[in-house]
């Protein structure tokens, strides 16, 4: 994948990288709901560290949450809808 890297990742590519980091060898269609939850948690924490000045910071921030929700919406819309992850206030 890095051979053709142009600086922009699709949500599918980002999901593939997260799945690789976590050791998931299956396709996204074979993931259980628990697997999806673990992957989204990983993405949320990773994105939160990107926006933090302290690399050792393990707190989740709004950027991380929104990033994970966006990936979830685009890659797992049924999961997103089932757990009502969209809230209008």
PDB file of N, CA and C in Angstrom:
ATOM      1  N   UNK A   1       0.816  -1.188   0.000  1.00  0.00           N
ATOM      2  CA  UNK A   1       0.000   0.000   0.000  1.00  0.00           C
ATOM      3  C   UNK A   1       0.863   1.257   0.000  1.00  0.00           C
ATOM      4  N   UNK A   2       1.975   1.228   0.649  1.00  0.00           N
ATOM      5  CA  UNK A   2       2.811   2.430   0.719  1.00  0.00           C
ATOM      6  C   UNK A   2       3.535   2.727  -0.594  1.00  0.00           C
ATOM      7  N   UNK A   3       3.595   1.745  -1.487  1.00  0.00           N
ATOM      8  CA  UNK A   3       4.255   1.979  -2.765  1.00  0.00           C
ATOM      9  C   UNK A   3       3.550   3.071  -3.564  1.00  0.00           C
ATOM     10  N   UNK A   4       2.239   3.135  -3.463  1.00  0.00           N
ATOM     11  CA  UNK A   4       1.457   4.105  -4.216  1.00  0.00           C
ATOM     12  C   UNK A   4       0.881   5.198  -3.319  1.00  0.00           C
ATOM     13  N   UNK A   5       1.512   5.448  -2.192  1.00  0.00           N
ATOM     14  CA  UNK A   5       0.985   6.407  -1.229  1.00  0.00           C
ATOM     15  C   UNK A   5       1.134   7.825  -1.757  1.00  0.00           C
ATOM     16  N   UNK A   6       0.008   8.530  -1.869  1.00  0.00           N
ATOM     17  CA  UNK A   6       0.026   9.904  -2.364  1.00  0.00           C
ATOM     18  C   UNK A   6      -0.270  10.932  -1.270  1.00  0.00           C
ATOM     19  N   UNK A   7      -0.262  10.483  -0.011  1.00  0.00           N
ATOM     20  CA  UNK A   7      -0.488  11.388   1.092  1.00  0.00           C
ATOM     21  C   UNK A   7      -1.919  11.416   1.586  1.00  0.00           C
ATOM     22  N   UNK A   8      -2.812  10.719   0.907  1.00  0.00           N
ATOM     23  CA  UNK A   8      -4.213  10.691   1.310  1.00  0.00           C
ATOM     24  C   UNK A   8      -4.634   9.241   1.503  1.00  0.00           C
ATOM     25  N   UNK A   9      -5.219   8.953   2.666  1.00  0.00           N
ATOM     26  CA  UNK A   9      -5.717   7.615   2.932  1.00  0.00           C
ATOM     27  C   UNK A   9      -7.236   7.609   2.858  1.00  0.00           C
ATOM     28  N   UNK A  10      -7.776   6.568   2.271  1.00  0.00           N
ATOM     29  CA  UNK A  10      -9.217   6.393   2.314  1.00  0.00           C
ATOM     30  C   UNK A  10      -9.583   5.796   3.666  1.00  0.00           C
ATOM     31  N   UNK A  11     -10.854   5.825   4.006  1.00  0.00           N
ATOM     32  CA  UNK A  11     -11.275   5.222   5.267  1.00  0.00           C
ATOM     33  C   UNK A  11     -11.014   3.719   5.243  1.00  0.00           C
ATOM     34  N   UNK A  12     -11.162   3.094   4.082  1.00  0.00           N
ATOM     35  CA  UNK A  12     -10.899   1.653   3.966  1.00  0.00           C
ATOM     36  C   UNK A  12      -9.428   1.351   4.211  1.00  0.00           C
ATOM     37  N   UNK A  13      -8.526   2.170   3.692  1.00  0.00           N
ATOM     38  CA  UNK A  13      -7.098   1.972   3.909  1.00  0.00           C
ATOM     39  C   UNK A  13      -6.746   2.182   5.379  1.00  0.00           C
ATOM     40  N   UNK A  14      -7.344   3.190   5.990  1.00  0.00           N
ATOM     41  CA  UNK A  14      -7.076   3.440   7.400  1.00  0.00           C
ATOM     42  C   UNK A  14      -7.580   2.279   8.250  1.00  0.00           C
ATOM     43  N   UNK A  15      -8.746   1.768   7.920  1.00  0.00           N
ATOM     44  CA  UNK A  15      -9.291   0.614   8.632  1.00  0.00           C
ATOM     45  C   UNK A  15      -8.383  -0.595   8.463  1.00  0.00           C
ATOM     46  N   UNK A  16      -7.899  -0.824   7.257  1.00  0.00           N
ATOM     47  CA  UNK A  16      -6.971  -1.937   7.015  1.00  0.00           C
ATOM     48  C   UNK A  16      -5.721  -1.820   7.876  1.00  0.00           C
ATOM     49  N   UNK A  17      -5.186  -0.605   8.004  1.00  0.00           N
ATOM     50  CA  UNK A  17      -3.985  -0.413   8.811  1.00  0.00           C
ATOM     51  C   UNK A  17      -4.272  -0.671  10.281  1.00  0.00           C
ATOM     52  N   UNK A  18      -5.420  -0.213  10.769  1.00  0.00           N
ATOM     53  CA  UNK A  18      -5.788  -0.454  12.167  1.00  0.00           C
ATOM     54  C   UNK A  18      -5.980  -1.945  12.414  1.00  0.00           C
ATOM     55  N   UNK A  19      -6.633  -2.633  11.481  1.00  0.00           N
ATOM     56  CA  UNK A  19      -6.840  -4.075  11.614  1.00  0.00           C
ATOM     57  C   UNK A  19      -5.498  -4.802  11.628  1.00  0.00           C
ATOM     58  N   UNK A  20      -4.575  -4.368  10.796  1.00  0.00           N
ATOM     59  CA  UNK A  20      -3.233  -4.963  10.756  1.00  0.00           C
ATOM     60  C   UNK A  20      -2.520  -4.759  12.093  1.00  0.00           C
ATOM     61  N   UNK A  21      -2.579  -3.530  12.608  1.00  0.00           N
ATOM     62  CA  UNK A  21      -1.929  -3.228  13.892  1.00  0.00           C
ATOM     63  C   UNK A  21      -2.469  -4.102  15.024  1.00  0.00           C
ATOM     64  N   UNK A  22      -3.754  -4.406  14.968  1.00  0.00           N
ATOM     65  CA  UNK A  22      -4.389  -5.197  16.016  1.00  0.00           C
ATOM     66  C   UNK A  22      -4.336  -6.702  15.760  1.00  0.00           C
ATOM     67  N   UNK A  23      -3.799  -7.090  14.617  1.00  0.00           N
ATOM     68  CA  UNK A  23      -3.633  -8.511  14.324  1.00  0.00           C
ATOM     69  C   UNK A  23      -4.844  -9.203  13.723  1.00  0.00           C
ATOM     70  N   UNK A  24      -5.769  -8.421  13.174  1.00  0.00           N
ATOM     71  CA  UNK A  24      -6.920  -9.025  12.512  1.00  0.00           C
ATOM     72  C   UNK A  24      -6.541  -9.383  11.079  1.00  0.00           C
ATOM     73  N   UNK A  25      -6.633 -10.652  10.753  1.00  0.00           N
ATOM     74  CA  UNK A  25      -6.288 -11.095   9.412  1.00  0.00           C
ATOM     75  C   UNK A  25      -7.489 -11.270   8.503  1.00  0.00           C
ATOM     76  N   UNK A  26      -8.672 -11.171   9.078  1.00  0.00           N
ATOM     77  CA  UNK A  26      -9.879 -11.395   8.293  1.00  0.00           C
ATOM     78  C   UNK A  26     -10.293 -10.121   7.560  1.00  0.00           C
ATOM     79  N   UNK A  27     -11.238 -10.289   6.649  1.00  0.00           N
ATOM     80  CA  UNK A  27     -11.771  -9.118   5.959  1.00  0.00           C
ATOM     81  C   UNK A  27     -12.770  -8.421   6.873  1.00  0.00           C
ATOM     82  N   UNK A  28     -13.120  -7.206   6.535  1.00  0.00           N
ATOM     83  CA  UNK A  28     -14.018  -6.454   7.408  1.00  0.00           C
ATOM     84  C   UNK A  28     -15.394  -7.101   7.476  1.00  0.00           C
ATOM     85  N   UNK A  29     -15.783  -7.832   6.452  1.00  0.00           N
ATOM     86  CA  UNK A  29     -17.077  -8.509   6.442  1.00  0.00           C
ATOM     87  C   UNK A  29     -17.144  -9.636   7.480  1.00  0.00           C
ATOM     88  N   UNK A  30     -16.005 -10.167   7.880  1.00  0.00           N
ATOM     89  CA  UNK A  30     -15.957 -11.278   8.828  1.00  0.00           C
ATOM     90  C   UNK A  30     -15.819 -10.818  10.280  1.00  0.00           C
ATOM     91  N   UNK A  31     -15.735  -9.525  10.508  1.00  0.00           N
ATOM     92  CA  UNK A  31     -15.562  -9.004  11.862  1.00  0.00           C
ATOM     93  C   UNK A  31     -16.848  -9.122  12.666  1.00  0.00           C
ATOM     94  N   UNK A  32     -16.706  -9.443  13.930  1.00  0.00           N
ATOM     95  CA  UNK A  32     -17.851  -9.455  14.833  1.00  0.00           C
ATOM     96  C   UNK A  32     -18.074  -8.039  15.365  1.00  0.00           C
ATOM     97  N   UNK A  33     -19.195  -7.836  16.035  1.00  0.00           N
ATOM     98  CA  UNK A  33     -19.455  -6.523  16.630  1.00  0.00           C
ATOM     99  C   UNK A  33     -18.412  -6.181  17.691  1.00  0.00           C
ATOM    100  N   UNK A  34     -17.958  -7.184  18.413  1.00  0.00           N
ATOM    101  CA  UNK A  34     -16.920  -6.957  19.416  1.00  0.00           C
ATOM    102  C   UNK A  34     -15.607  -6.535  18.747  1.00  0.00           C
ATOM    103  N   UNK A  35     -15.287  -7.144  17.611  1.00  0.00           N
ATOM    104  CA  UNK A  35     -14.090  -6.757  16.858  1.00  0.00           C
ATOM    105  C   UNK A  35     -14.190  -5.303  16.404  1.00  0.00           C
ATOM    106  N   UNK A  36     -15.352  -4.924  15.884  1.00  0.00           N
ATOM    107  CA  UNK A  36     -15.550  -3.550  15.420  1.00  0.00           C
ATOM    108  C   UNK A  36     -15.367  -2.578  16.579  1.00  0.00           C
ATOM    109  N   UNK A  37     -15.918  -2.913  17.725  1.00  0.00           N
ATOM    110  CA  UNK A  37     -15.787  -2.053  18.908  1.00  0.00           C
ATOM    111  C   UNK A  37     -14.311  -1.876  19.286  1.00  0.00           C
ATOM    112  N   UNK A  38     -13.547  -2.953  19.263  1.00  0.00           N
ATOM    113  CA  UNK A  38     -12.122  -2.875  19.607  1.00  0.00           C
ATOM    114  C   UNK A  38     -11.354  -2.040  18.593  1.00  0.00           C
ATOM    115  N   UNK A  39     -11.672  -2.205  17.332  1.00  0.00           N
ATOM    116  CA  UNK A  39     -10.990  -1.441  16.281  1.00  0.00           C
ATOM    117  C   UNK A  39     -11.315   0.043  16.392  1.00  0.00           C
ATOM    118  N   UNK A  40     -12.572   0.376  16.628  1.00  0.00           N
ATOM    119  CA  UNK A  40     -12.962   1.782  16.759  1.00  0.00           C
ATOM    120  C   UNK A  40     -12.325   2.405  18.000  1.00  0.00           C
ATOM    121  N   UNK A  41     -12.214   1.649  19.080  1.00  0.00           N
ATOM    122  CA  UNK A  41     -11.537   2.133  20.278  1.00  0.00           C
ATOM    123  C   UNK A  41     -10.073   2.425  19.964  1.00  0.00           C
ATOM    124  N   UNK A  42      -9.430   1.529  19.244  1.00  0.00           N
ATOM    125  CA  UNK A  42      -8.027   1.718  18.860  1.00  0.00           C
ATOM    126  C   UNK A  42      -7.868   2.982  18.009  1.00  0.00           C
ATOM    127  N   UNK A  43      -8.754   3.144  17.023  1.00  0.00           N
ATOM    128  CA  UNK A  43      -8.684   4.312  16.144  1.00  0.00           C
ATOM    129  C   UNK A  43      -8.908   5.596  16.943  1.00  0.00           C
ATOM    130  N   UNK A  44      -9.866   5.570  17.854  1.00  0.00           N
ATOM    131  CA  UNK A  44     -10.157   6.738  18.690  1.00  0.00           C
ATOM    132  C   UNK A  44      -8.940   7.131  19.518  1.00  0.00           C
ATOM    133  N   UNK A  45      -8.312   6.169  20.148  1.00  0.00           N
ATOM    134  CA  UNK A  45      -7.137   6.460  20.978  1.00  0.00           C
ATOM    135  C   UNK A  45      -5.947   6.917  20.127  1.00  0.00           C
ATOM    136  N   UNK A  46      -5.773   6.313  18.953  1.00  0.00           N
ATOM    137  CA  UNK A  46      -4.690   6.713  18.059  1.00  0.00           C
ATOM    138  C   UNK A  46      -4.887   8.161  17.612  1.00  0.00           C
ATOM    139  N   UNK A  47      -6.091   8.480  17.165  1.00  0.00           N
ATOM    140  CA  UNK A  47      -6.368   9.842  16.686  1.00  0.00           C
ATOM    141  C   UNK A  47      -6.255  10.857  17.817  1.00  0.00           C
ATOM    142  N   UNK A  48      -6.631  10.469  19.021  1.00  0.00           N
ATOM    143  CA  UNK A  48      -6.509  11.382  20.167  1.00  0.00           C
ATOM    144  C   UNK A  48      -5.050  11.714  20.440  1.00  0.00           C
ATOM    145  N   UNK A  49      -4.156  10.743  20.288  1.00  0.00           N
ATOM    146  CA  UNK A  49      -2.727  10.995  20.507  1.00  0.00           C
ATOM    147  C   UNK A  49      -2.157  11.889  19.415  1.00  0.00           C
ATOM    148  N   UNK A  50      -2.696  11.801  18.212  1.00  0.00           N
ATOM    149  CA  UNK A  50      -2.214  12.646  17.117  1.00  0.00           C
ATOM    150  C   UNK A  50      -2.427  14.114  17.454  1.00  0.00           C
ATOM    151  N   UNK A  51      -3.536  14.428  18.102  1.00  0.00           N
ATOM    152  CA  UNK A  51      -3.864  15.812  18.430  1.00  0.00           C
ATOM    153  C   UNK A  51      -3.303  16.275  19.770  1.00  0.00           C
ATOM    154  N   UNK A  52      -2.623  15.409  20.484  1.00  0.00           N
ATOM    155  CA  UNK A  52      -2.086  15.752  21.797  1.00  0.00           C
ATOM    156  C   UNK A  52      -0.615  16.114  21.681  1.00  0.00           C
ATOM    157  N   UNK A  53      -0.181  17.089  22.464  1.00  0.00           N
ATOM    158  CA  UNK A  53       1.235  17.457  22.468  1.00  0.00           C
ATOM    159  C   UNK A  53       2.068  16.426  23.220  1.00  0.00           C
ATOM    160  N   UNK A  54       1.433  15.692  24.120  1.00  0.00           N
ATOM    161  CA  UNK A  54       2.122  14.702  24.929  1.00  0.00           C
ATOM    162  C   UNK A  54       1.902  13.317  24.329  1.00  0.00           C
ATOM    163  N   UNK A  55       2.955  12.730  23.772  1.00  0.00           N
ATOM    164  CA  UNK A  55       2.852  11.422  23.117  1.00  0.00           C
ATOM    165  C   UNK A  55       2.390  10.317  24.061  1.00  0.00           C
ATOM    166  N   UNK A  56       2.654  10.433  25.351  1.00  0.00           N
ATOM    167  CA  UNK A  56       2.278   9.392  26.291  1.00  0.00           C
ATOM    168  C   UNK A  56       0.841   9.564  26.803  1.00  0.00           C
ATOM    169  N   UNK A  57       0.182  10.636  26.375  1.00  0.00           N
ATOM    170  CA  UNK A  57      -1.182  10.907  26.809  1.00  0.00           C
ATOM    171  C   UNK A  57      -2.117   9.815  26.295  1.00  0.00           C
ATOM    172  N   UNK A  58      -2.868   9.205  27.188  1.00  0.00           N
ATOM    173  CA  UNK A  58      -3.786   8.141  26.777  1.00  0.00           C
ATOM    174  C   UNK A  58      -5.249   8.577  26.859  1.00  0.00           C
ATOM    175  N   UNK A  59      -5.470   9.850  27.117  1.00  0.00           N
ATOM    176  CA  UNK A  59      -6.838  10.347  27.207  1.00  0.00           C
ATOM    177  C   UNK A  59      -7.454  10.462  25.819  1.00  0.00           C
ATOM    178  N   UNK A  60      -8.738  10.232  25.774  1.00  0.00           N
ATOM    179  CA  UNK A  60      -9.480  10.373  24.530  1.00  0.00           C
ATOM    180  C   UNK A  60      -9.977  11.803  24.431  1.00  0.00           C
ATOM    181  N   UNK A  61      -9.860  12.387  23.242  1.00  0.00           N
ATOM    182  CA  UNK A  61     -10.364  13.743  23.069  1.00  0.00           C
ATOM    183  C   UNK A  61     -11.422  13.770  21.963  1.00  0.00           C
ATOM    184  N   UNK A  62     -12.024  14.920  21.764  1.00  0.00           N
ATOM    185  CA  UNK A  62     -13.114  15.057  20.804  1.00  0.00           C
ATOM    186  C   UNK A  62     -12.668  14.698  19.388  1.00  0.00           C
ATOM    187  N   UNK A  63     -11.468  15.092  19.016  1.00  0.00           N
ATOM    188  CA  UNK A  63     -10.967  14.754  17.681  1.00  0.00           C
ATOM    189  C   UNK A  63     -10.946  13.240  17.479  1.00  0.00           C
ATOM    190  N   UNK A  64     -10.446  12.514  18.462  1.00  0.00           N
ATOM    191  CA  UNK A  64     -10.385  11.057  18.363  1.00  0.00           C
ATOM    192  C   UNK A  64     -11.756  10.432  18.248  1.00  0.00           C
ATOM    193  N   UNK A  65     -12.689  10.925  19.048  1.00  0.00           N
ATOM    194  CA  UNK A  65     -14.053  10.400  19.010  1.00  0.00           C
ATOM    195  C   UNK A  65     -14.687  10.650  17.649  1.00  0.00           C
ATOM    196  N   UNK A  66     -14.584  11.869  17.158  1.00  0.00           N
ATOM    197  CA  UNK A  66     -15.186  12.199  15.861  1.00  0.00           C
ATOM    198  C   UNK A  66     -14.530  11.435  14.715  1.00  0.00           C
ATOM    199  N   UNK A  67     -13.230  11.242  14.794  1.00  0.00           N
ATOM    200  CA  UNK A  67     -12.523  10.497  13.757  1.00  0.00           C
ATOM    201  C   UNK A  67     -12.993   9.048  13.724  1.00  0.00           C
ATOM    202  N   UNK A  68     -13.085   8.413  14.900  1.00  0.00           N
ATOM    203  CA  UNK A  68     -13.539   7.023  14.972  1.00  0.00           C
ATOM    204  C   UNK A  68     -14.993   6.897  14.520  1.00  0.00           C
ATOM    205  N   UNK A  69     -15.833   7.847  14.905  1.00  0.00           N
ATOM    206  CA  UNK A  69     -17.233   7.799  14.476  1.00  0.00           C
ATOM    207  C   UNK A  69     -17.370   7.956  12.968  1.00  0.00           C
ATOM    208  N   UNK A  70     -16.536   8.793  12.382  1.00  0.00           N
ATOM    209  CA  UNK A  70     -16.568   8.961  10.929  1.00  0.00           C
ATOM    210  C   UNK A  70     -16.165   7.676  10.218  1.00  0.00           C
ATOM    211  N   UNK A  71     -15.085   7.055  10.668  1.00  0.00           N
ATOM    212  CA  UNK A  71     -14.655   5.773  10.082  1.00  0.00           C
ATOM    213  C   UNK A  71     -15.762   4.735  10.248  1.00  0.00           C
ATOM    214  N   UNK A  72     -16.355   4.683  11.433  1.00  0.00           N
ATOM    215  CA  UNK A  72     -17.412   3.714  11.708  1.00  0.00           C
ATOM    216  C   UNK A  72     -18.606   3.946  10.780  1.00  0.00           C
ATOM    217  N   UNK A  73     -19.029   5.178  10.635  1.00  0.00           N
ATOM    218  CA  UNK A  73     -20.165   5.501   9.780  1.00  0.00           C
ATOM    219  C   UNK A  73     -19.916   5.076   8.337  1.00  0.00           C
ATOM    220  N   UNK A  74     -18.735   5.357   7.843  1.00  0.00           N
ATOM    221  CA  UNK A  74     -18.439   5.076   6.442  1.00  0.00           C
ATOM    222  C   UNK A  74     -18.121   3.610   6.168  1.00  0.00           C
ATOM    223  N   UNK A  75     -17.533   2.921   7.140  1.00  0.00           N
ATOM    224  CA  UNK A  75     -17.129   1.530   6.918  1.00  0.00           C
ATOM    225  C   UNK A  75     -18.091   0.500   7.504  1.00  0.00           C
ATOM    226  N   UNK A  76     -18.807   0.877   8.548  1.00  0.00           N
ATOM    227  CA  UNK A  76     -19.744  -0.048   9.209  1.00  0.00           C
ATOM    228  C   UNK A  76     -21.076   0.646   9.458  1.00  0.00           C
ATOM    229  N   UNK A  77     -21.790   1.059   8.418  1.00  0.00           N
ATOM    230  CA  UNK A  77     -23.026   1.831   8.616  1.00  0.00           C
ATOM    231  C   UNK A  77     -24.107   1.068   9.398  1.00  0.00           C
ATOM    232  N   UNK A  78     -24.183  -0.247   9.239  1.00  0.00           N
ATOM    233  CA  UNK A  78     -25.186  -1.017   9.982  1.00  0.00           C
ATOM    234  C   UNK A  78     -24.901  -0.987  11.483  1.00  0.00           C
ATOM    235  N   UNK A  79     -23.636  -1.129  11.848  1.00  0.00           N
ATOM    236  CA  UNK A  79     -23.218  -1.060  13.256  1.00  0.00           C
ATOM    237  C   UNK A  79     -23.520   0.327  13.808  1.00  0.00           C
ATOM    238  N   UNK A  80     -23.183   1.351  13.041  1.00  0.00           N
ATOM    239  CA  UNK A  80     -23.399   2.744  13.440  1.00  0.00           C
ATOM    240  C   UNK A  80     -24.873   2.997  13.719  1.00  0.00           C
ATOM    241  N   UNK A  81     -25.720   2.495  12.834  1.00  0.00           N
ATOM    242  CA  UNK A  81     -27.160   2.692  12.989  1.00  0.00           C
ATOM    243  C   UNK A  81     -27.723   1.850  14.139  1.00  0.00           C
ATOM    244  N   UNK A  82     -27.289   0.596  14.236  1.00  0.00           N
ATOM    245  CA  UNK A  82     -27.795  -0.303  15.276  1.00  0.00           C
ATOM    246  C   UNK A  82     -27.575   0.264  16.674  1.00  0.00           C
ATOM    247  N   UNK A  83     -26.404   0.835  16.906  1.00  0.00           N
ATOM    248  CA  UNK A  83     -26.071   1.360  18.232  1.00  0.00           C
ATOM    249  C   UNK A  83     -26.349   2.852  18.365  1.00  0.00           C
ATOM    250  N   UNK A  84     -27.067   3.403  17.393  1.00  0.00           N
ATOM    251  CA  UNK A  84     -27.500   4.803  17.419  1.00  0.00           C
ATOM    252  C   UNK A  84     -26.356   5.743  17.792  1.00  0.00           C
ATOM    253  N   UNK A  85     -25.286   5.652  17.045  1.00  0.00           N
ATOM    254  CA  UNK A  85     -24.106   6.459  17.338  1.00  0.00           C
ATOM    255  C   UNK A  85     -24.254   7.910  16.883  1.00  0.00           C
ATOM    256  N   UNK A  86     -25.293   8.175  16.134  1.00  0.00           N
ATOM    257  CA  UNK A  86     -25.594   9.546  15.742  1.00  0.00           C
ATOM    258  C   UNK A  86     -26.641  10.087  16.690  1.00  0.00           C
ATOM    259  N   UNK A  87     -26.344  11.211  17.292  1.00  0.00           N
ATOM    260  CA  UNK A  87     -27.304  11.827  18.219  1.00  0.00           C
ATOM    261  C   UNK A  87     -27.551  13.270  17.811  1.00  0.00           C
ATOM    262  N   UNK A  88     -28.789  13.589  17.669  1.00  0.00           N
ATOM    263  CA  UNK A  88     -29.140  14.985  17.384  1.00  0.00           C
ATOM    264  C   UNK A  88     -29.667  15.601  18.657  1.00  0.00           C
ATOM    265  N   UNK A  89     -29.042  16.647  19.080  1.00  0.00           N
ATOM    266  CA  UNK A  89     -29.443  17.330  20.326  1.00  0.00           C
ATOM    267  C   UNK A  89     -29.921  18.732  20.012  1.00  0.00           C
TER     268      UNK A  89
END
